[in-house]
């Protein structure tokens, strides 16, 4: 049972991190569309989440 709860916790954390990263990416695209370096940094975060 503990192992199952640990897996659920990991899934919840993964989902929350993805939601936060998506929110950051949307904000950066809306507020700083011309800042290519910032766009690349946020894309790098997205790529880390997918690995």
PDB file of N, CA and C in Angstrom:
ATOM      1  N   UNK A   1       0.828  -1.192   0.000  1.00  0.00           N
ATOM      2  CA  UNK A   1       0.000   0.000   0.000  1.00  0.00           C
ATOM      3  C   UNK A   1       0.872   1.256   0.000  1.00  0.00           C
ATOM      4  N   UNK A   2       1.955   1.242   0.771  1.00  0.00           N
ATOM      5  CA  UNK A   2       2.844   2.393   0.843  1.00  0.00           C
ATOM      6  C   UNK A   2       3.468   2.694  -0.516  1.00  0.00           C
ATOM      7  N   UNK A   3       3.844   1.646  -1.234  1.00  0.00           N
ATOM      8  CA  UNK A   3       4.449   1.819  -2.552  1.00  0.00           C
ATOM      9  C   UNK A   3       3.447   2.480  -3.505  1.00  0.00           C
ATOM     10  N   UNK A   4       2.210   2.075  -3.446  1.00  0.00           N
ATOM     11  CA  UNK A   4       1.149   2.656  -4.273  1.00  0.00           C
ATOM     12  C   UNK A   4       0.960   4.136  -3.943  1.00  0.00           C
ATOM     13  N   UNK A   5       0.949   4.463  -2.665  1.00  0.00           N
ATOM     14  CA  UNK A   5       0.800   5.854  -2.241  1.00  0.00           C
ATOM     15  C   UNK A   5       1.989   6.699  -2.716  1.00  0.00           C
ATOM     16  N   UNK A   6       3.188   6.122  -2.669  1.00  0.00           N
ATOM     17  CA  UNK A   6       4.370   6.833  -3.160  1.00  0.00           C
ATOM     18  C   UNK A   6       4.246   7.123  -4.654  1.00  0.00           C
ATOM     19  N   UNK A   7       3.756   6.158  -5.413  1.00  0.00           N
ATOM     20  CA  UNK A   7       3.587   6.360  -6.856  1.00  0.00           C
ATOM     21  C   UNK A   7       2.538   7.428  -7.139  1.00  0.00           C
ATOM     22  N   UNK A   8       1.471   7.436  -6.381  1.00  0.00           N
ATOM     23  CA  UNK A   8       0.449   8.465  -6.560  1.00  0.00           C
ATOM     24  C   UNK A   8       1.015   9.849  -6.245  1.00  0.00           C
ATOM     25  N   UNK A   9       1.829   9.921  -5.212  1.00  0.00           N
ATOM     26  CA  UNK A   9       2.454  11.181  -4.829  1.00  0.00           C
ATOM     27  C   UNK A   9       3.369  11.673  -5.954  1.00  0.00           C
ATOM     28  N   UNK A  10       4.153  10.765  -6.534  1.00  0.00           N
ATOM     29  CA  UNK A  10       5.037  11.135  -7.642  1.00  0.00           C
ATOM     30  C   UNK A  10       4.232  11.626  -8.841  1.00  0.00           C
ATOM     31  N   UNK A  11       3.141  10.960  -9.135  1.00  0.00           N
ATOM     32  CA  UNK A  11       2.293  11.364 -10.253  1.00  0.00           C
ATOM     33  C   UNK A  11       1.689  12.741 -10.002  1.00  0.00           C
ATOM     34  N   UNK A  12       1.240  12.969  -8.792  1.00  0.00           N
ATOM     35  CA  UNK A  12       0.666  14.271  -8.446  1.00  0.00           C
ATOM     36  C   UNK A  12       1.714  15.373  -8.598  1.00  0.00           C
ATOM     37  N   UNK A  13       2.920  15.134  -8.097  1.00  0.00           N
ATOM     38  CA  UNK A  13       4.000  16.117  -8.229  1.00  0.00           C
ATOM     39  C   UNK A  13       4.332  16.387  -9.690  1.00  0.00           C
ATOM     40  N   UNK A  14       4.399  15.337 -10.482  1.00  0.00           N
ATOM     41  CA  UNK A  14       4.691  15.468 -11.908  1.00  0.00           C
ATOM     42  C   UNK A  14       3.623  16.321 -12.588  1.00  0.00           C
ATOM     43  N   UNK A  15       2.373  16.057 -12.280  1.00  0.00           N
ATOM     44  CA  UNK A  15       1.265  16.801 -12.873  1.00  0.00           C
ATOM     45  C   UNK A  15       1.315  18.273 -12.463  1.00  0.00           C
ATOM     46  N   UNK A  16       1.556  18.529 -11.199  1.00  0.00           N
ATOM     47  CA  UNK A  16       1.643  19.914 -10.728  1.00  0.00           C
ATOM     48  C   UNK A  16       2.811  20.662 -11.359  1.00  0.00           C
ATOM     49  N   UNK A  17       3.951  20.000 -11.486  1.00  0.00           N
ATOM     50  CA  UNK A  17       5.107  20.637 -12.128  1.00  0.00           C
ATOM     51  C   UNK A  17       4.801  20.960 -13.582  1.00  0.00           C
ATOM     52  N   UNK A  18       4.140  20.058 -14.270  1.00  0.00           N
ATOM     53  CA  UNK A  18       3.773  20.318 -15.662  1.00  0.00           C
ATOM     54  C   UNK A  18       2.817  21.490 -15.773  1.00  0.00           C
ATOM     55  N   UNK A  19       1.855  21.576 -14.883  1.00  0.00           N
ATOM     56  CA  UNK A  19       0.904  22.686 -14.905  1.00  0.00           C
ATOM     57  C   UNK A  19       1.622  24.007 -14.641  1.00  0.00           C
ATOM     58  N   UNK A  20       2.527  24.010 -13.686  1.00  0.00           N
ATOM     59  CA  UNK A  20       3.277  25.231 -13.377  1.00  0.00           C
ATOM     60  C   UNK A  20       4.159  25.643 -14.559  1.00  0.00           C
ATOM     61  N   UNK A  21       4.814  24.686 -15.159  1.00  0.00           N
ATOM     62  CA  UNK A  21       5.672  24.979 -16.300  1.00  0.00           C
ATOM     63  C   UNK A  21       4.853  25.525 -17.465  1.00  0.00           C
ATOM     64  N   UNK A  22       3.690  24.943 -17.706  1.00  0.00           N
ATOM     65  CA  UNK A  22       2.798  25.440 -18.761  1.00  0.00           C
ATOM     66  C   UNK A  22       2.353  26.864 -18.467  1.00  0.00           C
ATOM     67  N   UNK A  23       2.046  27.152 -17.209  1.00  0.00           N
ATOM     68  CA  UNK A  23       1.619  28.500 -16.827  1.00  0.00           C
ATOM     69  C   UNK A  23       2.751  29.503 -17.022  1.00  0.00           C
ATOM     70  N   UNK A  24       3.961  29.116 -16.662  1.00  0.00           N
ATOM     71  CA  UNK A  24       5.116  30.000 -16.852  1.00  0.00           C
ATOM     72  C   UNK A  24       5.337  30.249 -18.337  1.00  0.00           C
ATOM     73  N   UNK A  25       5.263  29.202 -19.119  1.00  0.00           N
ATOM     74  CA  UNK A  25       5.473  29.347 -20.557  1.00  0.00           C
ATOM     75  C   UNK A  25       4.417  30.271 -21.173  1.00  0.00           C
ATOM     76  N   UNK A  26       3.175  30.119 -20.801  1.00  0.00           N
ATOM     77  CA  UNK A  26       2.114  30.968 -21.323  1.00  0.00           C
ATOM     78  C   UNK A  26       2.335  32.428 -20.915  1.00  0.00           C
ATOM     79  N   UNK A  27       2.730  32.644 -19.674  1.00  0.00           N
ATOM     80  CA  UNK A  27       2.985  34.002 -19.186  1.00  0.00           C
ATOM     81  C   UNK A  27       4.137  34.645 -19.949  1.00  0.00           C
ATOM     82  N   UNK A  28       5.217  33.908 -20.115  1.00  0.00           N
ATOM     83  CA  UNK A  28       6.384  34.432 -20.821  1.00  0.00           C
ATOM     84  C   UNK A  28       6.020  34.756 -22.268  1.00  0.00           C
ATOM     85  N   UNK A  29       5.262  33.891 -22.919  1.00  0.00           N
ATOM     86  CA  UNK A  29       4.869  34.147 -24.303  1.00  0.00           C
ATOM     87  C   UNK A  29       3.969  35.375 -24.404  1.00  0.00           C
ATOM     88  N   UNK A  30       3.127  35.590 -23.406  1.00  0.00           N
ATOM     89  CA  UNK A  30       2.212  36.729 -23.435  1.00  0.00           C
ATOM     90  C   UNK A  30       2.920  38.038 -23.085  1.00  0.00           C
ATOM     91  N   UNK A  31       3.791  38.018 -22.099  1.00  0.00           N
ATOM     92  CA  UNK A  31       4.405  39.247 -21.591  1.00  0.00           C
ATOM     93  C   UNK A  31       5.763  39.574 -22.214  1.00  0.00           C
ATOM     94  N   UNK A  32       6.476  38.553 -22.669  1.00  0.00           N
ATOM     95  CA  UNK A  32       7.822  38.760 -23.191  1.00  0.00           C
ATOM     96  C   UNK A  32       8.024  38.032 -24.530  1.00  0.00           C
ATOM     97  N   UNK A  33       7.157  38.286 -25.500  1.00  0.00           N
ATOM     98  CA  UNK A  33       7.239  37.536 -26.757  1.00  0.00           C
ATOM     99  C   UNK A  33       8.526  37.788 -27.549  1.00  0.00           C
ATOM    100  N   UNK A  34       9.167  38.929 -27.342  1.00  0.00           N
ATOM    101  CA  UNK A  34      10.377  39.255 -28.098  1.00  0.00           C
ATOM    102  C   UNK A  34      11.651  38.750 -27.427  1.00  0.00           C
ATOM    103  N   UNK A  35      11.572  38.271 -26.218  1.00  0.00           N
ATOM    104  CA  UNK A  35      12.757  37.822 -25.482  1.00  0.00           C
ATOM    105  C   UNK A  35      13.042  36.358 -25.829  1.00  0.00           C
ATOM    106  N   UNK A  36      13.879  36.182 -26.835  1.00  0.00           N
ATOM    107  CA  UNK A  36      14.164  34.827 -27.322  1.00  0.00           C
ATOM    108  C   UNK A  36      14.926  33.989 -26.299  1.00  0.00           C
ATOM    109  N   UNK A  37      15.815  34.616 -25.562  1.00  0.00           N
ATOM    110  CA  UNK A  37      16.580  33.861 -24.565  1.00  0.00           C
ATOM    111  C   UNK A  37      15.654  33.331 -23.473  1.00  0.00           C
ATOM    112  N   UNK A  38      14.731  34.157 -23.024  1.00  0.00           N
ATOM    113  CA  UNK A  38      13.779  33.724 -22.001  1.00  0.00           C
ATOM    114  C   UNK A  38      12.904  32.600 -22.550  1.00  0.00           C
ATOM    115  N   UNK A  39      12.487  32.716 -23.793  1.00  0.00           N
ATOM    116  CA  UNK A  39      11.685  31.668 -24.428  1.00  0.00           C
ATOM    117  C   UNK A  39      12.457  30.344 -24.462  1.00  0.00           C
ATOM    118  N   UNK A  40      13.743  30.425 -24.775  1.00  0.00           N
ATOM    119  CA  UNK A  40      14.573  29.220 -24.832  1.00  0.00           C
ATOM    120  C   UNK A  40      14.758  28.599 -23.449  1.00  0.00           C
ATOM    121  N   UNK A  41      14.929  29.446 -22.439  1.00  0.00           N
ATOM    122  CA  UNK A  41      15.078  28.934 -21.075  1.00  0.00           C
ATOM    123  C   UNK A  41      13.819  28.194 -20.622  1.00  0.00           C
ATOM    124  N   UNK A  42      12.664  28.764 -20.912  1.00  0.00           N
ATOM    125  CA  UNK A  42      11.408  28.122 -20.535  1.00  0.00           C
ATOM    126  C   UNK A  42      11.219  26.828 -21.328  1.00  0.00           C
ATOM    127  N   UNK A  43      11.590  26.847 -22.597  1.00  0.00           N
ATOM    128  CA  UNK A  43      11.506  25.620 -23.401  1.00  0.00           C
ATOM    129  C   UNK A  43      12.412  24.548 -22.814  1.00  0.00           C
ATOM    130  N   UNK A  44      13.574  24.951 -22.303  1.00  0.00           N
ATOM    131  CA  UNK A  44      14.482  24.003 -21.656  1.00  0.00           C
ATOM    132  C   UNK A  44      13.839  23.367 -20.433  1.00  0.00           C
ATOM    133  N   UNK A  45      13.087  24.156 -19.668  1.00  0.00           N
ATOM    134  CA  UNK A  45      12.361  23.605 -18.517  1.00  0.00           C
ATOM    135  C   UNK A  45      11.331  22.584 -18.970  1.00  0.00           C
ATOM    136  N   UNK A  46      10.631  22.920 -20.045  1.00  0.00           N
ATOM    137  CA  UNK A  46       9.641  21.988 -20.591  1.00  0.00           C
ATOM    138  C   UNK A  46      10.297  20.669 -20.980  1.00  0.00           C
ATOM    139  N   UNK A  47      11.454  20.753 -21.616  1.00  0.00           N
ATOM    140  CA  UNK A  47      12.163  19.550 -22.053  1.00  0.00           C
ATOM    141  C   UNK A  47      12.608  18.713 -20.862  1.00  0.00           C
ATOM    142  N   UNK A  48      13.022  19.360 -19.775  1.00  0.00           N
ATOM    143  CA  UNK A  48      13.413  18.614 -18.578  1.00  0.00           C
ATOM    144  C   UNK A  48      12.237  17.847 -17.996  1.00  0.00           C
ATOM    145  N   UNK A  49      11.067  18.459 -18.043  1.00  0.00           N
ATOM    146  CA  UNK A  49       9.875  17.822 -17.501  1.00  0.00           C
ATOM    147  C   UNK A  49       9.482  16.595 -18.314  1.00  0.00           C
ATOM    148  N   UNK A  50       9.770  16.628 -19.602  1.00  0.00           N
ATOM    149  CA  UNK A  50       9.368  15.520 -20.478  1.00  0.00           C
ATOM    150  C   UNK A  50      10.298  14.324 -20.373  1.00  0.00           C
ATOM    151  N   UNK A  51      11.490  14.544 -19.839  1.00  0.00           N
ATOM    152  CA  UNK A  51      12.465  13.436 -19.749  1.00  0.00           C
ATOM    153  C   UNK A  51      12.154  12.508 -18.610  1.00  0.00           C
TER     154      UNK A  51
END
